[in-house]
Amino acid sequence: MATRALPSPASDFQQLVPLAVLLALALLAVLWPAEQSRFPAEWNLGLRQPIDNFQRWVIDNRATHPAFVYFFEPLRNFIDAGLRWTEGV
């Protein structure tokens, strides 16, 4: 007849360490002063307008531009088919 060993307190402590770290990080994120977590102004590269323009262009042209029609759409279909096949296995 085999007997089971009781878990040691050290193994219980090791299981609680990741939870304690996550809790400490969550508390730090909530309690950290807002002024210190503000994005530095000197890091602003002025990319908002070009990125917004590119996003608008993509939305306007994704149904007709050859890059989307002949590359991204088939790539999306291939990935989608692969995921559906994986789900069915």
Protein backbone atom coordinates (compact mmCIF):
# COMPACT_ATOMS: atom_id res chain seq x y z
CA MET A 1 0.00 0.00 0.00
CA ALA A 2 1.47 3.32 -1.09
CA THR A 3 1.36 6.33 1.15
CA ARG A 4 1.09 9.89 0.01
CA ALA A 5 3.51 12.52 1.15
CA LEU A 6 2.00 15.68 2.54
CA PRO A 7 2.96 18.87 0.72
CA SER A 8 5.64 20.82 2.48
CA PRO A 9 5.10 24.43 3.53
CA ALA A 10 7.90 25.43 1.15
CA SER A 11 5.95 24.14 -1.87
CA ASP A 12 2.87 26.07 -0.70
CA PHE A 13 5.01 29.21 -0.49
CA GLN A 14 6.40 28.64 -4.00
CA GLN A 15 2.86 28.45 -5.37
CA LEU A 16 1.92 31.76 -3.74
CA VAL A 17 4.94 33.73 -4.99
CA PRO A 18 3.56 34.43 -8.52
CA LEU A 19 0.23 35.53 -7.05
CA ALA A 20 1.97 37.83 -4.58
CA VAL A 21 4.09 39.37 -7.36
CA LEU A 22 1.00 40.03 -9.51
CA LEU A 23 -0.81 41.57 -6.56
CA ALA A 24 2.16 43.81 -5.77
CA LEU A 25 2.39 44.96 -9.39
CA ALA A 26 -1.34 45.69 -9.50
CA LEU A 27 -1.11 47.74 -6.30
CA LEU A 28 1.90 49.60 -7.62
CA ALA A 29 0.08 50.44 -10.87
CA VAL A 30 -2.92 51.78 -8.96
CA LEU A 31 -1.03 53.71 -6.32
CA TRP A 32 1.76 55.17 -8.51
CA PRO A 33 1.43 58.96 -8.82
CA ALA A 34 0.03 60.10 -12.17
CA GLU A 35 2.69 62.78 -12.71
CA GLN A 36 5.51 60.27 -12.76
CA SER A 37 3.80 57.97 -15.25
CA ARG A 38 3.08 60.71 -17.80
CA PHE A 39 4.67 60.21 -21.24
CA PRO A 40 7.74 62.45 -21.59
CA ALA A 41 7.14 65.39 -23.95
CA GLU A 42 10.60 65.05 -25.51
CA TRP A 43 9.65 61.57 -26.78
CA ASN A 44 6.80 62.97 -28.86
CA LEU A 45 8.00 62.59 -32.44
CA GLY A 46 4.94 64.12 -34.07
CA LEU A 47 3.84 60.88 -35.71
CA ARG A 48 0.15 61.15 -34.93
CA GLN A 49 -0.85 62.88 -38.17
CA PRO A 50 1.14 60.58 -40.52
CA ILE A 51 -0.16 57.49 -38.73
CA ASP A 52 -3.74 58.77 -38.87
CA ASN A 53 -3.32 59.51 -42.59
CA PHE A 54 -1.94 56.02 -43.22
CA GLN A 55 -4.80 54.45 -41.27
CA ARG A 56 -7.33 56.44 -43.30
CA TRP A 57 -5.60 55.37 -46.55
CA VAL A 58 -5.66 51.71 -45.52
CA ILE A 59 -9.36 51.86 -44.66
CA ASP A 60 -10.15 53.58 -47.98
CA ASN A 61 -8.03 51.27 -50.17
CA ARG A 62 -8.04 47.81 -48.61
CA ALA A 63 -10.68 46.49 -51.02
CA THR A 64 -8.98 47.73 -54.20
CA HIS A 65 -5.22 48.17 -53.72
CA PRO A 66 -3.16 45.28 -55.17
CA ALA A 67 -1.12 44.88 -51.97
CA PHE A 68 -4.27 44.02 -50.08
CA VAL A 69 -6.07 42.15 -52.86
CA TYR A 70 -3.15 39.91 -53.89
CA PHE A 71 -1.10 39.63 -50.69
CA PHE A 72 -2.85 40.43 -47.42
CA GLU A 73 -6.25 38.96 -48.31
CA PRO A 74 -4.82 35.58 -49.42
CA LEU A 75 -2.54 35.60 -46.36
CA ARG A 76 -5.55 36.26 -44.13
CA ASN A 77 -7.50 33.46 -45.84
CA PHE A 78 -4.57 31.05 -45.42
CA ILE A 79 -4.21 31.83 -41.72
CA ASP A 80 -7.97 31.60 -41.20
CA ALA A 81 -8.13 28.22 -42.96
CA GLY A 82 -5.19 26.95 -40.89
CA LEU A 83 -6.84 28.01 -37.65
CA ARG A 84 -10.16 26.45 -38.66
CA TRP A 85 -8.37 23.22 -39.60
CA THR A 86 -6.56 23.23 -36.25
CA GLU A 87 -9.85 23.71 -34.40
CA GLY A 88 -11.34 20.74 -36.25
CA VAL A 89 -8.49 18.36 -35.40
